Amino acid sequence: MGIVINVRTVHTAGLDDDELRQIRTLLDEAFEGSFTAADWDHTLGGMHAVVHEDGSIVAHGAVVQRRLIHRGRAIRTGYVEGVAVRADRRRQGYAAAVMNELERIIRTAYRLGALSASDRAVGFYLARQWRAWKGPTSVLAPSGITRTPEDDGSTFVLFTDSEVRPEVTDALICDWREGDVW
């Protein structure tokens, strides 16, 4: 029988300073120092799925609200950020447990789920029924709609609403934010 993984779901406002520090440290380690201050900012302000063991946070993910634009329609989207598992807990179901909670939130509160996946995580998300966005990506920047070709192929969506089924070969536009826009 597998291990039981208890996931706590909490809004950013419900996390204390120590938990926020632990999450930031986990993300810094998991992303090998490439998790920027802007990436951290993108992770805050939404719902977090957190796994604690013996007083330490060993797994984390967050979902924040964003607006994606498809064919001129703004879609309320649950955007996944900051998914990480401590190195000694990887490949034991922690990421799946975190994503189960984040996907539950997305399915009940948003019309669409979205995320930007690293190359090594693509298979994980595809196995969970996320779909690769095959069309061109752009951002609604302060200067107007700007193509983001560097993000083509790394964006994935999760359909949650039978009325919102964008064609994955169309153009997709995200709302503006500092740092990595996708």
C-alpha atoms as a PDB file:
ATOM      1  CA  MET A   1       0.000   0.000   0.000  1.00  0.00           C
ATOM      2  CA  GLY A   2       1.285   3.492  -0.900  1.00  0.00           C
ATOM      3  CA  ILE A   3       1.950   6.326   1.476  1.00  0.00           C
ATOM      4  CA  VAL A   4      -0.861   8.645   2.496  1.00  0.00           C
ATOM      5  CA  ILE A   5      -0.178  12.217   1.417  1.00  0.00           C
ATOM      6  CA  ASN A   6      -2.183  14.876   3.227  1.00  0.00           C
ATOM      7  CA  VAL A   7      -2.541  18.075   1.239  1.00  0.00           C
ATOM      8  CA  ARG A   8      -3.554  21.310   2.945  1.00  0.00           C
ATOM      9  CA  THR A   9      -5.365  23.818   0.746  1.00  0.00           C
ATOM     10  CA  VAL A  10      -4.992  27.433   1.875  1.00  0.00           C
ATOM     11  CA  HIS A  11      -5.113  30.941   0.435  1.00  0.00           C
ATOM     12  CA  THR A  12      -1.900  32.955   0.506  1.00  0.00           C
ATOM     13  CA  ALA A  13      -3.416  35.072   3.308  1.00  0.00           C
ATOM     14  CA  GLY A  14      -3.629  31.945   5.492  1.00  0.00           C
ATOM     15  CA  LEU A  15       0.065  31.091   5.221  1.00  0.00           C
ATOM     16  CA  ASP A  16       2.291  32.309   8.036  1.00  0.00           C
ATOM     17  CA  ASP A  17       5.744  33.841   7.551  1.00  0.00           C
ATOM     18  CA  ASP A  18       7.531  30.550   8.243  1.00  0.00           C
ATOM     19  CA  GLU A  19       5.410  28.673   5.686  1.00  0.00           C
ATOM     20  CA  LEU A  20       6.020  31.363   3.071  1.00  0.00           C
ATOM     21  CA  ARG A  21       9.769  31.187   3.766  1.00  0.00           C
ATOM     22  CA  GLN A  22       9.730  27.383   3.476  1.00  0.00           C
ATOM     23  CA  ILE A  23       7.779  27.488   0.213  1.00  0.00           C
ATOM     24  CA  ARG A  24      10.165  30.038  -1.270  1.00  0.00           C
ATOM     25  CA  THR A  25      13.158  27.912  -0.223  1.00  0.00           C
ATOM     26  CA  LEU A  26      11.558  24.788  -1.719  1.00  0.00           C
ATOM     27  CA  LEU A  27      10.956  26.607  -5.016  1.00  0.00           C
ATOM     28  CA  ASP A  28      14.490  28.033  -5.092  1.00  0.00           C
ATOM     29  CA  GLU A  29      15.939  24.549  -4.587  1.00  0.00           C
ATOM     30  CA  ALA A  30      13.573  22.788  -7.012  1.00  0.00           C
ATOM     31  CA  PHE A  31      14.226  25.341  -9.751  1.00  0.00           C
ATOM     32  CA  GLU A  32      17.967  25.311  -9.017  1.00  0.00           C
ATOM     33  CA  GLY A  33      18.244  29.027  -8.357  1.00  0.00           C
ATOM     34  CA  SER A  34      16.287  30.159 -11.440  1.00  0.00           C
ATOM     35  CA  PHE A  35      13.080  30.962  -9.517  1.00  0.00           C
ATOM     36  CA  THR A  36      13.031  34.770  -9.667  1.00  0.00           C
ATOM     37  CA  ALA A  37      11.390  37.411  -7.494  1.00  0.00           C
ATOM     38  CA  ALA A  38       8.800  37.855 -10.279  1.00  0.00           C
ATOM     39  CA  ASP A  39       8.143  34.085 -10.303  1.00  0.00           C
ATOM     40  CA  TRP A  40       7.573  34.262  -6.538  1.00  0.00           C
ATOM     41  CA  ASP A  41       5.181  37.175  -6.980  1.00  0.00           C
ATOM     42  CA  HIS A  42       3.229  35.155  -9.579  1.00  0.00           C
ATOM     43  CA  THR A  43       2.830  32.326  -7.042  1.00  0.00           C
ATOM     44  CA  LEU A  44       1.143  34.532  -4.440  1.00  0.00           C
ATOM     45  CA  GLY A  45      -2.438  35.760  -4.141  1.00  0.00           C
ATOM     46  CA  GLY A  46      -4.274  32.533  -4.864  1.00  0.00           C
ATOM     47  CA  MET A  47      -4.837  29.085  -3.430  1.00  0.00           C
ATOM     48  CA  HIS A  48      -1.945  26.868  -2.384  1.00  0.00           C
ATOM     49  CA  ALA A  49      -1.779  23.087  -2.071  1.00  0.00           C
ATOM     50  CA  VAL A  50       0.861  22.324   0.562  1.00  0.00           C
ATOM     51  CA  VAL A  51       2.219  19.065   1.982  1.00  0.00           C
ATOM     52  CA  HIS A  52       3.773  19.250   5.453  1.00  0.00           C
ATOM     53  CA  GLU A  53       5.843  16.455   6.965  1.00  0.00           C
ATOM     54  CA  ASP A  54       7.484  16.695  10.374  1.00  0.00           C
ATOM     55  CA  GLY A  55       7.184  20.481  10.424  1.00  0.00           C
ATOM     56  CA  SER A  56       8.635  20.964   6.939  1.00  0.00           C
ATOM     57  CA  ILE A  57       6.948  21.716   3.654  1.00  0.00           C
ATOM     58  CA  VAL A  58       7.903  18.993   1.170  1.00  0.00           C
ATOM     59  CA  ALA A  59       5.557  19.771  -1.737  1.00  0.00           C
ATOM     60  CA  HIS A  60       3.723  22.821  -3.026  1.00  0.00           C
ATOM     61  CA  GLY A  61       1.697  24.215  -5.900  1.00  0.00           C
ATOM     62  CA  ALA A  62      -0.540  27.247  -6.345  1.00  0.00           C
ATOM     63  CA  VAL A  63      -3.361  28.341  -8.588  1.00  0.00           C
ATOM     64  CA  VAL A  64      -3.949  32.039  -9.246  1.00  0.00           C
ATOM     65  CA  GLN A  65      -6.574  33.795 -11.321  1.00  0.00           C
ATOM     66  CA  ARG A  66      -5.616  35.136 -14.721  1.00  0.00           C
ATOM     67  CA  ARG A  67      -7.449  36.149 -17.881  1.00  0.00           C
ATOM     68  CA  LEU A  68      -6.592  34.419 -21.134  1.00  0.00           C
ATOM     69  CA  ILE A  69      -8.000  35.792 -24.363  1.00  0.00           C
ATOM     70  CA  HIS A  70      -9.186  33.452 -27.101  1.00  0.00           C
ATOM     71  CA  ARG A  71     -10.979  34.759 -30.203  1.00  0.00           C
ATOM     72  CA  GLY A  72     -11.660  38.082 -28.472  1.00  0.00           C
ATOM     73  CA  ARG A  73     -13.162  36.467 -25.378  1.00  0.00           C
ATOM     74  CA  ALA A  74     -11.555  36.886 -21.932  1.00  0.00           C
ATOM     75  CA  ILE A  75     -11.655  33.571 -20.072  1.00  0.00           C
ATOM     76  CA  ARG A  76     -11.408  33.375 -16.253  1.00  0.00           C
ATOM     77  CA  THR A  77      -8.489  30.979 -15.896  1.00  0.00           C
ATOM     78  CA  GLY A  78      -6.927  29.138 -12.974  1.00  0.00           C
ATOM     79  CA  TYR A  79      -3.212  29.380 -13.691  1.00  0.00           C
ATOM     80  CA  VAL A  80      -0.876  26.902 -12.002  1.00  0.00           C
ATOM     81  CA  GLU A  81       2.318  28.274 -10.468  1.00  0.00           C
ATOM     82  CA  GLY A  82       5.161  27.076  -8.276  1.00  0.00           C
ATOM     83  CA  VAL A  83       4.726  23.303  -8.391  1.00  0.00           C
ATOM     84  CA  ALA A  84       7.674  21.700  -6.605  1.00  0.00           C
ATOM     85  CA  VAL A  85       8.538  18.641  -4.545  1.00  0.00           C
ATOM     86  CA  ARG A  86      11.555  18.338  -2.259  1.00  0.00           C
ATOM     87  CA  ALA A  87      14.250  16.227  -3.936  1.00  0.00           C
ATOM     88  CA  ASP A  88      14.022  13.334  -1.452  1.00  0.00           C
ATOM     89  CA  ARG A  89      10.239  13.020  -1.983  1.00  0.00           C
ATOM     90  CA  ARG A  90      10.138  13.024  -5.781  1.00  0.00           C
ATOM     91  CA  ARG A  91       8.580  10.166  -7.733  1.00  0.00           C
ATOM     92  CA  GLN A  92       6.444   9.138  -4.757  1.00  0.00           C
ATOM     93  CA  GLY A  93       3.120  10.759  -5.706  1.00  0.00           C
ATOM     94  CA  TYR A  94       3.572  14.162  -4.057  1.00  0.00           C
ATOM     95  CA  ALA A  95       3.264  16.181  -7.270  1.00  0.00           C
ATOM     96  CA  ALA A  96       0.163  14.177  -8.230  1.00  0.00           C
ATOM     97  CA  ALA A  97      -1.399  14.825  -4.811  1.00  0.00           C
ATOM     98  CA  VAL A  98      -0.716  18.566  -5.132  1.00  0.00           C
ATOM     99  CA  MET A  99      -2.075  18.658  -8.683  1.00  0.00           C
ATOM    100  CA  ASN A 100      -5.205  16.742  -7.643  1.00  0.00           C
ATOM    101  CA  GLU A 101      -6.050  19.622  -5.295  1.00  0.00           C
ATOM    102  CA  LEU A 102      -5.126  22.350  -7.760  1.00  0.00           C
ATOM    103  CA  GLU A 103      -7.184  20.700 -10.501  1.00  0.00           C
ATOM    104  CA  ARG A 104     -10.137  20.368  -8.110  1.00  0.00           C
ATOM    105  CA  ILE A 105      -9.942  24.112  -7.473  1.00  0.00           C
ATOM    106  CA  ILE A 106      -9.632  24.851 -11.191  1.00  0.00           C
ATOM    107  CA  ARG A 107     -12.587  22.637 -12.079  1.00  0.00           C
ATOM    108  CA  THR A 108     -14.867  24.222  -9.492  1.00  0.00           C
ATOM    109  CA  ALA A 109     -13.826  27.883  -9.708  1.00  0.00           C
ATOM    110  CA  TYR A 110     -12.558  28.574 -13.228  1.00  0.00           C
ATOM    111  CA  ARG A 111     -13.653  28.170 -16.828  1.00  0.00           C
ATOM    112  CA  LEU A 112     -10.200  26.954 -17.932  1.00  0.00           C
ATOM    113  CA  GLY A 113      -6.932  25.797 -16.405  1.00  0.00           C
ATOM    114  CA  ALA A 114      -3.536  26.776 -17.807  1.00  0.00           C
ATOM    115  CA  LEU A 115       0.144  26.472 -17.000  1.00  0.00           C
ATOM    116  CA  SER A 116       3.577  26.750 -18.522  1.00  0.00           C
ATOM    117  CA  ALA A 117       5.458  23.451 -18.290  1.00  0.00           C
ATOM    118  CA  SER A 118       9.167  22.779 -18.210  1.00  0.00           C
ATOM    119  CA  ASP A 119      10.399  20.185 -20.708  1.00  0.00           C
ATOM    120  CA  ARG A 120      10.832  17.576 -17.972  1.00  0.00           C
ATOM    121  CA  ALA A 121       7.223  18.013 -16.737  1.00  0.00           C
ATOM    122  CA  VAL A 122       5.434  17.707 -20.104  1.00  0.00           C
ATOM    123  CA  GLY A 123       4.735  13.964 -19.776  1.00  0.00           C
ATOM    124  CA  PHE A 124       3.368  14.443 -16.255  1.00  0.00           C
ATOM    125  CA  TYR A 125       0.814  17.039 -17.400  1.00  0.00           C
ATOM    126  CA  LEU A 126      -0.155  15.167 -20.569  1.00  0.00           C
ATOM    127  CA  ALA A 127      -0.863  12.055 -18.465  1.00  0.00           C
ATOM    128  CA  ARG A 128      -3.207  14.201 -16.329  1.00  0.00           C
ATOM    129  CA  GLN A 129      -5.304  15.226 -19.371  1.00  0.00           C
ATOM    130  CA  TRP A 130      -3.740  18.661 -19.834  1.00  0.00           C
ATOM    131  CA  ARG A 131      -3.545  19.564 -23.523  1.00  0.00           C
ATOM    132  CA  ALA A 132      -0.604  21.203 -25.224  1.00  0.00           C
ATOM    133  CA  TRP A 133      -1.481  24.563 -26.763  1.00  0.00           C
ATOM    134  CA  LYS A 134      -0.323  24.298 -30.375  1.00  0.00           C
ATOM    135  CA  GLY A 135      -1.238  27.779 -31.580  1.00  0.00           C
ATOM    136  CA  PRO A 136       0.772  30.972 -31.274  1.00  0.00           C
ATOM    137  CA  THR A 137       0.988  32.664 -27.872  1.00  0.00           C
ATOM    138  CA  SER A 138       1.013  36.378 -27.133  1.00  0.00           C
ATOM    139  CA  VAL A 139       0.640  38.777 -24.214  1.00  0.00           C
ATOM    140  CA  LEU A 140      -1.598  41.814 -23.858  1.00  0.00           C
ATOM    141  CA  ALA A 141       1.331  44.068 -22.926  1.00  0.00           C
ATOM    142  CA  PRO A 142       1.148  47.782 -22.062  1.00  0.00           C
ATOM    143  CA  SER A 143       2.185  48.464 -25.673  1.00  0.00           C
ATOM    144  CA  GLY A 144      -0.517  46.156 -27.085  1.00  0.00           C
ATOM    145  CA  ILE A 145      -0.669  42.526 -28.167  1.00  0.00           C
ATOM    146  CA  THR A 146       2.882  41.183 -28.409  1.00  0.00           C
ATOM    147  CA  ARG A 147       3.862  37.728 -29.682  1.00  0.00           C
ATOM    148  CA  THR A 148       5.694  35.446 -27.243  1.00  0.00           C
ATOM    149  CA  PRO A 149       7.198  32.839 -29.594  1.00  0.00           C
ATOM    150  CA  GLU A 150       9.572  31.651 -26.861  1.00  0.00           C
ATOM    151  CA  ASP A 151       6.498  30.358 -25.000  1.00  0.00           C
ATOM    152  CA  ASP A 152       4.977  28.503 -27.947  1.00  0.00           C
ATOM    153  CA  GLY A 153       4.853  24.820 -27.113  1.00  0.00           C
ATOM    154  CA  SER A 154       5.207  25.191 -23.335  1.00  0.00           C
ATOM    155  CA  THR A 155       1.643  26.293 -22.588  1.00  0.00           C
ATOM    156  CA  PHE A 156      -0.896  23.659 -21.509  1.00  0.00           C
ATOM    157  CA  VAL A 157      -4.625  23.938 -20.841  1.00  0.00           C
ATOM    158  CA  LEU A 158      -7.146  21.928 -18.860  1.00  0.00           C
ATOM    159  CA  PHE A 159     -10.732  22.104 -20.090  1.00  0.00           C
ATOM    160  CA  THR A 160     -13.195  22.478 -17.218  1.00  0.00           C
ATOM    161  CA  ASP A 161     -16.276  24.025 -18.790  1.00  0.00           C
ATOM    162  CA  SER A 162     -18.229  22.431 -21.628  1.00  0.00           C
ATOM    163  CA  GLU A 163     -18.957  25.913 -23.010  1.00  0.00           C
ATOM    164  CA  VAL A 164     -15.281  26.922 -23.046  1.00  0.00           C
ATOM    165  CA  ARG A 165     -13.374  24.618 -25.403  1.00  0.00           C
ATOM    166  CA  PRO A 166     -10.904  26.802 -27.263  1.00  0.00           C
ATOM    167  CA  GLU A 167      -9.332  25.342 -30.361  1.00  0.00           C
ATOM    168  CA  VAL A 168      -5.739  24.608 -29.310  1.00  0.00           C
ATOM    169  CA  THR A 169      -4.358  25.627 -32.695  1.00  0.00           C
ATOM    170  CA  ASP A 170      -5.750  29.179 -32.433  1.00  0.00           C
ATOM    171  CA  ALA A 171      -3.914  32.162 -31.011  1.00  0.00           C
ATOM    172  CA  LEU A 172      -3.954  32.533 -27.212  1.00  0.00           C
ATOM    173  CA  ILE A 173      -3.222  35.758 -25.374  1.00  0.00           C
ATOM    174  CA  CYS A 174      -2.402  36.100 -21.673  1.00  0.00           C
ATOM    175  CA  ASP A 175      -2.814  39.113 -19.421  1.00  0.00           C
ATOM    176  CA  TRP A 176       0.226  41.238 -18.590  1.00  0.00           C
ATOM    177  CA  ARG A 177       2.497  40.731 -15.584  1.00  0.00           C
ATOM    178  CA  GLU A 178       6.124  41.469 -14.766  1.00  0.00           C
ATOM    179  CA  GLY A 179       8.728  38.784 -15.492  1.00  0.00           C
ATOM    180  CA  ASP A 180       7.736  35.667 -17.409  1.00  0.00           C
ATOM    181  CA  VAL A 181       4.283  36.423 -18.761  1.00  0.00           C
ATOM    182  CA  TRP A 182       3.371  32.743 -19.288  1.00  0.00           C
END
